[in-house]
Amino acid sequence: MLAQRRAACLRSARVPVPTISGVRCVGRQQLQVVAFGPPQAHGAGTTSTASKELGEKEKGFINEMRRVAMKLHTKDQAPKEGGVEAPKPRVWAPTLKGYLRFLTESQAVYQAMESAVQDTSMHPEYAAFQQTGLERSQALTQDLAWFKEKFDLDPPLLEEAGPGTQYAQKVLGLAKTDPQAFICHFYNYYFAHTAGGKMIGSKVAGMLLEGHTLHFYQWNGDLQEHLDGVRKQINELSEHWEAEQKQHCLAETTESFKMAGVIMGCITSEV
C-alpha cells in the first residue's frame, strides 16, 4: 500500500514546479493544464498593486534566491526568467482522498519547519523566523477537522517512507547541521504556497469542496507584509555568510522544488 501511495504521488509530481495556474475546467472533477501561471510570491511579473513587495524582494541575497527559483519555473510562468519548457497539456484530476493526503503530508513539513526555528540552541538566528505570520500547521489542523466533519474522512496515517515524513526529517536534520540549506527550503516552501499554492487551492475548492476556502489559504494580517518581513530577515542573515555558504544555499533550490513537488503530486492520488 505504501508503495502504491508513493508511486501515485510521484506520477503526479512530473510537473516541474509545484505551482499550477492558467487551467481550465474539463467537467466537474478534471482540469486541463494549459499553462503554468506566474508565481508572484517568488517575484515573477509586476503589478501596480505589488510595488511594496517589489521593493524588498529585489534587495540583497533574497533577490539571488528569487532568480534561482525563477529559473526552475516554466517559460509560461515566467517568460523572462523561466528556464524550463512547459509540459504538454494534460488532464489534472484531483481527488478528495488525494487532497486530504496532500494536506496531511504538508502539515508534517510545516510542523517540522515551525519546530526547527523554535530550537535556537545551536542557531540563535532562527529566532528571527518565529511567528512570521506564514505558519500553516495550526490552520491545517482546523482544515483536517473540517474534512472529518464534512466528509467523515480521517487524515491518513503518515508512513515513515512517505513524502511528508521524509521531507520533515530532512528539514529537521538540515536545521541542525546545514542552516544555509534549511533557509533555502524554508523560503521556497512557504513562498510557493502563497502564490501558486493559493491558485491550486482555489481550483480544488471549486471542484471538490463546494467552494469552501480552507484555513490553509488564509492568513492573519497582511500577507505581503509577512512575506517582506521574511525576505528582510533572510537578507540580514545572509550578510554574515561567506560566498561559499550563499552558493550552497542557492544550490539546494532544486532539491526543495523536487521534494515539494512529490507532496503536491498527492493531490491526484486515489490512495
C-alpha atoms as a PDB file:
ATOM      1  CA  MET A   1       0.000   0.000   0.000  1.00  0.00           C
ATOM      2  CA  LEU A   2       2.815   2.411   0.870  1.00  0.00           C
ATOM      3  CA  ALA A   3       4.489   1.749  -2.452  1.00  0.00           C
ATOM      4  CA  GLN A   4       1.208   2.479  -4.235  1.00  0.00           C
ATOM      5  CA  ARG A   5       0.768   5.762  -2.363  1.00  0.00           C
ATOM      6  CA  ARG A   6       4.287   6.978  -3.060  1.00  0.00           C
ATOM      7  CA  ALA A   7       4.089   5.914  -6.699  1.00  0.00           C
ATOM      8  CA  ALA A   8       0.811   7.792  -7.099  1.00  0.00           C
ATOM      9  CA  CYS A   9       2.336  10.959  -5.671  1.00  0.00           C
ATOM     10  CA  LEU A  10       5.427  10.580  -7.837  1.00  0.00           C
ATOM     11  CA  ARG A  11       3.422  10.061 -11.021  1.00  0.00           C
ATOM     12  CA  SER A  12       1.567  13.287 -10.386  1.00  0.00           C
ATOM     13  CA  ALA A  13       4.735  15.171  -9.486  1.00  0.00           C
ATOM     14  CA  ARG A  14       6.067  15.321 -13.032  1.00  0.00           C
ATOM     15  CA  VAL A  15       5.095  18.974 -13.182  1.00  0.00           C
ATOM     16  CA  PRO A  16       8.450  20.800 -12.907  1.00  0.00           C
ATOM     17  CA  VAL A  17       7.234  23.338 -10.332  1.00  0.00           C
ATOM     18  CA  PRO A  18       4.708  22.816  -7.512  1.00  0.00           C
ATOM     19  CA  THR A  19       2.507  25.663  -8.708  1.00  0.00           C
ATOM     20  CA  ILE A  20      -0.299  25.339 -11.221  1.00  0.00           C
ATOM     21  CA  SER A  21      -2.440  28.032 -12.736  1.00  0.00           C
ATOM     22  CA  GLY A  22      -3.724  29.019 -16.138  1.00  0.00           C
ATOM     23  CA  VAL A  23      -6.004  25.991 -16.185  1.00  0.00           C
ATOM     24  CA  ARG A  24      -9.496  25.428 -17.489  1.00  0.00           C
ATOM     25  CA  CYS A  25     -12.128  23.054 -16.194  1.00  0.00           C
ATOM     26  CA  VAL A  26     -12.889  19.841 -18.017  1.00  0.00           C
ATOM     27  CA  GLY A  27     -16.069  18.619 -16.393  1.00  0.00           C
ATOM     28  CA  ARG A  28     -16.569  18.926 -12.651  1.00  0.00           C
ATOM     29  CA  GLN A  29     -13.578  16.979 -11.420  1.00  0.00           C
ATOM     30  CA  GLN A  30     -10.863  17.462 -14.006  1.00  0.00           C
ATOM     31  CA  LEU A  31      -8.626  20.273 -15.115  1.00  0.00           C
ATOM     32  CA  GLN A  32      -6.729  20.589 -18.338  1.00  0.00           C
ATOM     33  CA  VAL A  33      -3.364  22.157 -17.675  1.00  0.00           C
ATOM     34  CA  VAL A  34      -2.783  24.619 -20.494  1.00  0.00           C
ATOM     35  CA  ALA A  35      -0.185  26.853 -18.851  1.00  0.00           C
ATOM     36  CA  PHE A  36       1.729  27.274 -15.659  1.00  0.00           C
ATOM     37  CA  GLY A  37       0.953  30.644 -14.180  1.00  0.00           C
ATOM     38  CA  PRO A  38       3.218  33.275 -12.650  1.00  0.00           C
ATOM     39  CA  PRO A  39       4.489  32.515  -9.135  1.00  0.00           C
ATOM     40  CA  GLN A  40       4.006  36.007  -7.708  1.00  0.00           C
ATOM     41  CA  ALA A  41       5.445  35.324  -4.264  1.00  0.00           C
ATOM     42  CA  HIS A  42       8.811  34.449  -5.787  1.00  0.00           C
ATOM     43  CA  GLY A  43       8.605  37.656  -7.775  1.00  0.00           C
ATOM     44  CA  ALA A  44       7.592  36.875 -11.358  1.00  0.00           C
ATOM     45  CA  GLY A  45       5.989  39.750 -13.190  1.00  0.00           C
ATOM     46  CA  THR A  46       4.916  43.100 -11.792  1.00  0.00           C
ATOM     47  CA  THR A  47       1.618  44.728 -10.998  1.00  0.00           C
ATOM     48  CA  SER A  48       0.658  48.187  -9.881  1.00  0.00           C
ATOM     49  CA  THR A  49      -0.565  46.761  -6.561  1.00  0.00           C
ATOM     50  CA  ALA A  50       2.690  44.977  -5.770  1.00  0.00           C
ATOM     51  CA  SER A  51       5.059  47.943  -5.516  1.00  0.00           C
ATOM     52  CA  LYS A  52       5.571  47.348  -1.796  1.00  0.00           C
ATOM     53  CA  GLU A  53       6.513  43.713  -2.368  1.00  0.00           C
ATOM     54  CA  LEU A  54       8.829  44.548  -5.265  1.00  0.00           C
ATOM     55  CA  GLY A  55      10.996  46.786  -3.129  1.00  0.00           C
ATOM     56  CA  GLU A  56      12.009  44.105  -0.623  1.00  0.00           C
ATOM     57  CA  LYS A  57      12.277  41.145  -2.960  1.00  0.00           C
ATOM     58  CA  GLU A  58      14.773  42.881  -5.213  1.00  0.00           C
ATOM     59  CA  LYS A  59      17.219  43.588  -2.395  1.00  0.00           C
ATOM     60  CA  GLY A  60      20.304  41.649  -1.411  1.00  0.00           C
ATOM     61  CA  PHE A  61      20.612  37.882  -1.305  1.00  0.00           C
ATOM     62  CA  ILE A  62      16.870  37.269  -1.432  1.00  0.00           C
ATOM     63  CA  ASN A  63      16.956  38.538  -4.998  1.00  0.00           C
ATOM     64  CA  GLU A  64      19.527  35.880  -5.854  1.00  0.00           C
ATOM     65  CA  MET A  65      17.318  33.220  -4.249  1.00  0.00           C
ATOM     66  CA  ARG A  66      14.366  34.514  -6.237  1.00  0.00           C
ATOM     67  CA  ARG A  67      16.295  34.390  -9.512  1.00  0.00           C
ATOM     68  CA  VAL A  68      17.414  30.805  -8.969  1.00  0.00           C
ATOM     69  CA  ALA A  69      13.853  29.781  -8.091  1.00  0.00           C
ATOM     70  CA  MET A  70      12.526  31.515 -11.184  1.00  0.00           C
ATOM     71  CA  LYS A  71      14.880  29.515 -13.388  1.00  0.00           C
ATOM     72  CA  LEU A  72      13.076  26.382 -12.208  1.00  0.00           C
ATOM     73  CA  HIS A  73       9.713  27.735 -13.343  1.00  0.00           C
ATOM     74  CA  THR A  74       8.395  27.216 -16.839  1.00  0.00           C
ATOM     75  CA  LYS A  75       8.674  29.849 -19.522  1.00  0.00           C
ATOM     76  CA  ASP A  76       4.887  30.154 -19.461  1.00  0.00           C
ATOM     77  CA  GLN A  77       5.048  31.031 -15.776  1.00  0.00           C
ATOM     78  CA  ALA A  78       7.904  33.468 -16.151  1.00  0.00           C
ATOM     79  CA  PRO A  79       8.591  34.401 -19.803  1.00  0.00           C
ATOM     80  CA  LYS A  80      11.656  36.475 -18.988  1.00  0.00           C
ATOM     81  CA  GLU A  81      13.248  34.296 -16.303  1.00  0.00           C
ATOM     82  CA  GLY A  82      11.743  30.820 -16.600  1.00  0.00           C
ATOM     83  CA  GLY A  83      14.226  28.164 -17.648  1.00  0.00           C
ATOM     84  CA  VAL A  84      12.003  25.090 -18.038  1.00  0.00           C
ATOM     85  CA  GLU A  85       9.908  24.252 -21.082  1.00  0.00           C
ATOM     86  CA  ALA A  86       6.214  23.883 -20.217  1.00  0.00           C
ATOM     87  CA  PRO A  87       4.986  20.278 -20.491  1.00  0.00           C
ATOM     88  CA  LYS A  88       2.303  19.330 -22.942  1.00  0.00           C
ATOM     89  CA  PRO A  89      -1.284  19.951 -21.771  1.00  0.00           C
ATOM     90  CA  ARG A  90      -2.631  17.080 -19.736  1.00  0.00           C
ATOM     91  CA  VAL A  91      -5.678  16.264 -17.667  1.00  0.00           C
ATOM     92  CA  TRP A  92      -5.234  17.092 -13.995  1.00  0.00           C
ATOM     93  CA  ALA A  93      -7.861  15.410 -11.824  1.00  0.00           C
ATOM     94  CA  PRO A  94      -7.621  15.960  -8.059  1.00  0.00           C
ATOM     95  CA  THR A  95      -9.416  13.536  -5.757  1.00  0.00           C
ATOM     96  CA  LEU A  96     -10.880  14.132  -2.321  1.00  0.00           C
ATOM     97  CA  LYS A  97      -8.721  11.474  -0.677  1.00  0.00           C
ATOM     98  CA  GLY A  98      -5.683  12.662  -2.578  1.00  0.00           C
ATOM     99  CA  TYR A  99      -6.234  16.234  -1.500  1.00  0.00           C
ATOM    100  CA  LEU A 100      -6.647  15.142   2.119  1.00  0.00           C
ATOM    101  CA  ARG A 101      -3.377  13.246   1.850  1.00  0.00           C
ATOM    102  CA  PHE A 102      -1.687  16.327   0.396  1.00  0.00           C
ATOM    103  CA  LEU A 103      -2.882  18.438   3.328  1.00  0.00           C
ATOM    104  CA  THR A 104      -1.751  15.821   5.854  1.00  0.00           C
ATOM    105  CA  GLU A 105       1.665  15.344   4.270  1.00  0.00           C
ATOM    106  CA  SER A 106       2.073  19.122   4.013  1.00  0.00           C
ATOM    107  CA  GLN A 107       1.302  19.590   7.693  1.00  0.00           C
ATOM    108  CA  ALA A 108       4.175  17.293   8.631  1.00  0.00           C
ATOM    109  CA  VAL A 109       6.587  19.572   6.777  1.00  0.00           C
ATOM    110  CA  TYR A 110       5.199  22.787   8.241  1.00  0.00           C
ATOM    111  CA  GLN A 111       5.306  21.324  11.746  1.00  0.00           C
ATOM    112  CA  ALA A 112       8.945  20.401  11.196  1.00  0.00           C
ATOM    113  CA  MET A 113       9.834  23.885   9.996  1.00  0.00           C
ATOM    114  CA  GLU A 114       7.993  25.554  12.861  1.00  0.00           C
ATOM    115  CA  SER A 115       9.656  23.212  15.356  1.00  0.00           C
ATOM    116  CA  ALA A 116      13.093  23.749  13.829  1.00  0.00           C
ATOM    117  CA  VAL A 117      13.078  27.529  14.244  1.00  0.00           C
ATOM    118  CA  GLN A 118      11.989  27.181  17.873  1.00  0.00           C
ATOM    119  CA  ASP A 119      15.292  25.466  18.685  1.00  0.00           C
ATOM    120  CA  THR A 120      17.810  28.285  18.866  1.00  0.00           C
ATOM    121  CA  SER A 121      20.377  26.455  20.984  1.00  0.00           C
ATOM    122  CA  MET A 122      22.704  25.879  18.042  1.00  0.00           C
ATOM    123  CA  HIS A 123      21.477  28.591  15.704  1.00  0.00           C
ATOM    124  CA  PRO A 124      20.142  31.629  17.592  1.00  0.00           C
ATOM    125  CA  GLU A 125      19.490  33.336  14.262  1.00  0.00           C
ATOM    126  CA  TYR A 126      16.413  31.128  13.836  1.00  0.00           C
ATOM    127  CA  ALA A 127      14.586  33.295  16.369  1.00  0.00           C
ATOM    128  CA  ALA A 128      14.004  35.807  13.577  1.00  0.00           C
ATOM    129  CA  PHE A 129      11.873  33.194  11.773  1.00  0.00           C
ATOM    130  CA  GLN A 130       9.492  32.523  14.623  1.00  0.00           C
ATOM    131  CA  GLN A 131       5.943  33.877  14.392  1.00  0.00           C
ATOM    132  CA  THR A 132       6.424  35.257  10.897  1.00  0.00           C
ATOM    133  CA  GLY A 133       2.706  35.130  10.134  1.00  0.00           C
ATOM    134  CA  LEU A 134       3.294  32.470   7.462  1.00  0.00           C
ATOM    135  CA  GLU A 135       2.926  29.469   9.793  1.00  0.00           C
ATOM    136  CA  ARG A 136       0.466  26.882   8.476  1.00  0.00           C
ATOM    137  CA  SER A 137       0.311  23.890  10.828  1.00  0.00           C
ATOM    138  CA  GLN A 138      -2.444  25.276  13.063  1.00  0.00           C
ATOM    139  CA  ALA A 139      -4.535  26.253  10.059  1.00  0.00           C
ATOM    140  CA  LEU A 140      -4.150  22.735   8.693  1.00  0.00           C
ATOM    141  CA  THR A 141      -5.302  21.253  11.999  1.00  0.00           C
ATOM    142  CA  GLN A 142      -8.553  23.189  11.585  1.00  0.00           C
ATOM    143  CA  ASP A 143      -8.917  22.040   7.988  1.00  0.00           C
ATOM    144  CA  LEU A 144      -8.354  18.381   8.803  1.00  0.00           C
ATOM    145  CA  ALA A 145     -11.066  18.638  11.460  1.00  0.00           C
ATOM    146  CA  TRP A 146     -13.368  20.201   8.854  1.00  0.00           C
ATOM    147  CA  PHE A 147     -12.732  17.289   6.472  1.00  0.00           C
ATOM    148  CA  LYS A 148     -13.804  14.888   9.196  1.00  0.00           C
ATOM    149  CA  GLU A 149     -16.969  16.841   9.905  1.00  0.00           C
ATOM    150  CA  LYS A 150     -17.869  17.471   6.270  1.00  0.00           C
ATOM    151  CA  PHE A 151     -16.861  14.210   4.586  1.00  0.00           C
ATOM    152  CA  ASP A 152     -16.326  11.840   7.531  1.00  0.00           C
ATOM    153  CA  LEU A 153     -12.730  11.353   6.384  1.00  0.00           C
ATOM    154  CA  ASP A 154      -9.903  10.954   8.864  1.00  0.00           C
ATOM    155  CA  PRO A 155      -6.411  12.192   7.987  1.00  0.00           C
ATOM    156  CA  PRO A 156      -4.396   9.304   6.523  1.00  0.00           C
ATOM    157  CA  LEU A 157      -1.644   7.844   8.661  1.00  0.00           C
ATOM    158  CA  LEU A 158       1.777   9.162   7.742  1.00  0.00           C
ATOM    159  CA  GLU A 159       4.199   6.463   6.706  1.00  0.00           C
ATOM    160  CA  GLU A 160       7.883   6.542   7.581  1.00  0.00           C
ATOM    161  CA  ALA A 161       8.795   6.464   3.895  1.00  0.00           C
ATOM    162  CA  GLY A 162       6.014   8.854   2.841  1.00  0.00           C
ATOM    163  CA  PRO A 163       6.852  12.217   1.234  1.00  0.00           C
ATOM    164  CA  GLY A 164       5.742  14.332   4.187  1.00  0.00           C
ATOM    165  CA  THR A 165       7.687  12.356   6.770  1.00  0.00           C
ATOM    166  CA  GLN A 166      10.748  12.174   4.559  1.00  0.00           C
ATOM    167  CA  TYR A 167      10.731  15.914   3.916  1.00  0.00           C
ATOM    168  CA  ALA A 168      10.078  16.707   7.586  1.00  0.00           C
ATOM    169  CA  GLN A 169      13.035  14.579   8.652  1.00  0.00           C
ATOM    170  CA  LYS A 170      15.236  16.266   6.071  1.00  0.00           C
ATOM    171  CA  VAL A 171      14.174  19.723   7.261  1.00  0.00           C
ATOM    172  CA  LEU A 172      14.896  18.901  10.903  1.00  0.00           C
ATOM    173  CA  GLY A 173      18.287  17.485  10.010  1.00  0.00           C
ATOM    174  CA  LEU A 174      19.282  20.448   7.875  1.00  0.00           C
ATOM    175  CA  ALA A 175      18.169  22.896  10.549  1.00  0.00           C
ATOM    176  CA  LYS A 176      20.748  21.405  12.922  1.00  0.00           C
ATOM    177  CA  THR A 177      23.663  20.783  10.588  1.00  0.00           C
ATOM    178  CA  ASP A 178      23.189  22.939   7.499  1.00  0.00           C
ATOM    179  CA  PRO A 179      21.449  26.269   8.189  1.00  0.00           C
ATOM    180  CA  GLN A 180      22.009  27.632   4.684  1.00  0.00           C
ATOM    181  CA  ALA A 181      20.240  24.663   3.074  1.00  0.00           C
ATOM    182  CA  PHE A 182      17.493  24.862   5.699  1.00  0.00           C
ATOM    183  CA  ILE A 183      16.826  28.520   4.907  1.00  0.00           C
ATOM    184  CA  CYS A 184      16.532  27.600   1.228  1.00  0.00           C
ATOM    185  CA  HIS A 185      13.800  25.066   1.980  1.00  0.00           C
ATOM    186  CA  PHE A 186      12.113  27.420   4.431  1.00  0.00           C
ATOM    187  CA  TYR A 187      11.940  30.198   1.860  1.00  0.00           C
ATOM    188  CA  ASN A 188      10.807  28.140  -1.105  1.00  0.00           C
ATOM    189  CA  TYR A 189       8.229  26.027   0.732  1.00  0.00           C
ATOM    190  CA  TYR A 190       6.460  28.909   2.417  1.00  0.00           C
ATOM    191  CA  PHE A 191       6.622  31.304  -0.501  1.00  0.00           C
ATOM    192  CA  ALA A 192       5.416  28.826  -3.137  1.00  0.00           C
ATOM    193  CA  HIS A 193       2.296  28.181  -1.077  1.00  0.00           C
ATOM    194  CA  THR A 194       1.377  31.865  -1.035  1.00  0.00           C
ATOM    195  CA  ALA A 195       1.419  32.052  -4.838  1.00  0.00           C
ATOM    196  CA  GLY A 196       0.724  29.003  -6.967  1.00  0.00           C
ATOM    197  CA  GLY A 197      -0.433  27.099  -3.910  1.00  0.00           C
ATOM    198  CA  LYS A 198      -3.285  29.535  -3.429  1.00  0.00           C
ATOM    199  CA  MET A 199      -4.302  29.133  -7.070  1.00  0.00           C
ATOM    200  CA  ILE A 200      -4.394  25.366  -6.734  1.00  0.00           C
ATOM    201  CA  GLY A 201      -6.429  25.646  -3.542  1.00  0.00           C
ATOM    202  CA  SER A 202      -8.985  27.819  -5.272  1.00  0.00           C
ATOM    203  CA  LYS A 203      -9.335  25.372  -8.170  1.00  0.00           C
ATOM    204  CA  VAL A 204      -9.698  22.352  -5.908  1.00  0.00           C
ATOM    205  CA  ALA A 205     -12.193  24.170  -3.690  1.00  0.00           C
ATOM    206  CA  GLY A 206     -14.440  24.748  -6.683  1.00  0.00           C
ATOM    207  CA  MET A 207     -14.119  21.183  -7.885  1.00  0.00           C
ATOM    208  CA  LEU A 208     -14.303  19.181  -4.670  1.00  0.00           C
ATOM    209  CA  LEU A 209     -15.185  21.362  -1.678  1.00  0.00           C
ATOM    210  CA  GLU A 210     -18.277  23.234  -2.884  1.00  0.00           C
ATOM    211  CA  GLY A 211     -16.264  26.440  -2.980  1.00  0.00           C
ATOM    212  CA  HIS A 212     -15.130  26.223   0.648  1.00  0.00           C
ATOM    213  CA  THR A 213     -11.888  28.118   1.333  1.00  0.00           C
ATOM    214  CA  LEU A 214      -9.641  26.254   3.721  1.00  0.00           C
ATOM    215  CA  HIS A 215      -7.817  27.994   6.551  1.00  0.00           C
ATOM    216  CA  PHE A 216      -4.658  26.753   4.823  1.00  0.00           C
ATOM    217  CA  TYR A 217      -5.167  29.542   2.289  1.00  0.00           C
ATOM    218  CA  GLN A 218      -5.994  32.289   4.774  1.00  0.00           C
ATOM    219  CA  TRP A 219      -3.520  34.377   6.737  1.00  0.00           C
ATOM    220  CA  ASN A 220      -3.979  36.729   9.656  1.00  0.00           C
ATOM    221  CA  GLY A 221      -2.837  40.256   8.903  1.00  0.00           C
ATOM    222  CA  ASP A 222      -1.245  41.491   5.670  1.00  0.00           C
ATOM    223  CA  LEU A 223       0.290  38.576   3.755  1.00  0.00           C
ATOM    224  CA  GLN A 224       2.605  40.819   1.755  1.00  0.00           C
ATOM    225  CA  GLU A 225       3.954  42.336   4.943  1.00  0.00           C
ATOM    226  CA  HIS A 226       4.624  38.849   6.273  1.00  0.00           C
ATOM    227  CA  LEU A 227       6.482  37.921   3.077  1.00  0.00           C
ATOM    228  CA  ASP A 228       8.540  41.087   3.116  1.00  0.00           C
ATOM    229  CA  GLY A 229       9.374  40.517   6.769  1.00  0.00           C
ATOM    230  CA  VAL A 230      10.841  37.104   5.984  1.00  0.00           C
ATOM    231  CA  ARG A 231      12.693  38.495   2.967  1.00  0.00           C
ATOM    232  CA  LYS A 232      14.262  41.149   5.150  1.00  0.00           C
ATOM    233  CA  GLN A 233      15.314  38.627   7.795  1.00  0.00           C
ATOM    234  CA  ILE A 234      16.940  36.365   5.188  1.00  0.00           C
ATOM    235  CA  ASN A 235      18.804  39.314   3.712  1.00  0.00           C
ATOM    236  CA  GLU A 236      20.099  40.341   7.129  1.00  0.00           C
ATOM    237  CA  LEU A 237      21.100  36.776   7.988  1.00  0.00           C
ATOM    238  CA  SER A 238      22.919  36.251   4.688  1.00  0.00           C
ATOM    239  CA  GLU A 239      25.120  39.283   5.324  1.00  0.00           C
ATOM    240  CA  HIS A 240      27.024  37.074   7.764  1.00  0.00           C
ATOM    241  CA  TRP A 241      27.511  34.227   5.260  1.00  0.00           C
ATOM    242  CA  GLU A 242      30.587  33.604   3.178  1.00  0.00           C
ATOM    243  CA  ALA A 243      30.263  33.421  -0.608  1.00  0.00           C
ATOM    244  CA  GLU A 244      30.524  29.619  -0.475  1.00  0.00           C
ATOM    245  CA  GLN A 245      27.684  29.442   2.043  1.00  0.00           C
ATOM    246  CA  LYS A 246      25.469  31.596  -0.143  1.00  0.00           C
ATOM    247  CA  GLN A 247      26.184  29.421  -3.150  1.00  0.00           C
ATOM    248  CA  HIS A 248      25.394  26.324  -1.106  1.00  0.00           C
ATOM    249  CA  CYS A 249      22.040  27.810  -0.151  1.00  0.00           C
ATOM    250  CA  LEU A 250      21.208  28.545  -3.774  1.00  0.00           C
ATOM    251  CA  ALA A 251      22.272  25.068  -4.884  1.00  0.00           C
ATOM    252  CA  GLU A 252      19.662  23.497  -2.589  1.00  0.00           C
ATOM    253  CA  THR A 253      16.801  25.109  -4.535  1.00  0.00           C
ATOM    254  CA  THR A 254      16.365  22.209  -6.953  1.00  0.00           C
ATOM    255  CA  GLU A 255      16.034  19.727  -4.094  1.00  0.00           C
ATOM    256  CA  SER A 256      13.439  21.912  -2.383  1.00  0.00           C
ATOM    257  CA  PHE A 257      11.346  22.033  -5.554  1.00  0.00           C
ATOM    258  CA  LYS A 258      11.688  18.293  -6.067  1.00  0.00           C
ATOM    259  CA  MET A 259      10.534  17.333  -2.575  1.00  0.00           C
ATOM    260  CA  ALA A 260       7.674  19.824  -2.554  1.00  0.00           C
ATOM    261  CA  GLY A 261       6.606  18.551  -5.962  1.00  0.00           C
ATOM    262  CA  VAL A 262       6.216  14.976  -4.707  1.00  0.00           C
ATOM    263  CA  ILE A 263       3.884  16.180  -1.950  1.00  0.00           C
ATOM    264  CA  MET A 264       1.936  18.246  -4.453  1.00  0.00           C
ATOM    265  CA  GLY A 265       1.535  15.157  -6.578  1.00  0.00           C
ATOM    266  CA  CYS A 266      -0.514  13.501  -3.852  1.00  0.00           C
ATOM    267  CA  ILE A 267      -3.473  15.715  -4.798  1.00  0.00           C
ATOM    268  CA  THR A 268      -4.419  13.447  -7.702  1.00  0.00           C
ATOM    269  CA  SER A 269      -3.741  10.127  -5.983  1.00  0.00           C
ATOM    270  CA  GLU A 270      -6.523   7.647  -5.258  1.00  0.00           C
ATOM    271  CA  VAL A 271      -4.974   6.148  -2.109  1.00  0.00           C
END
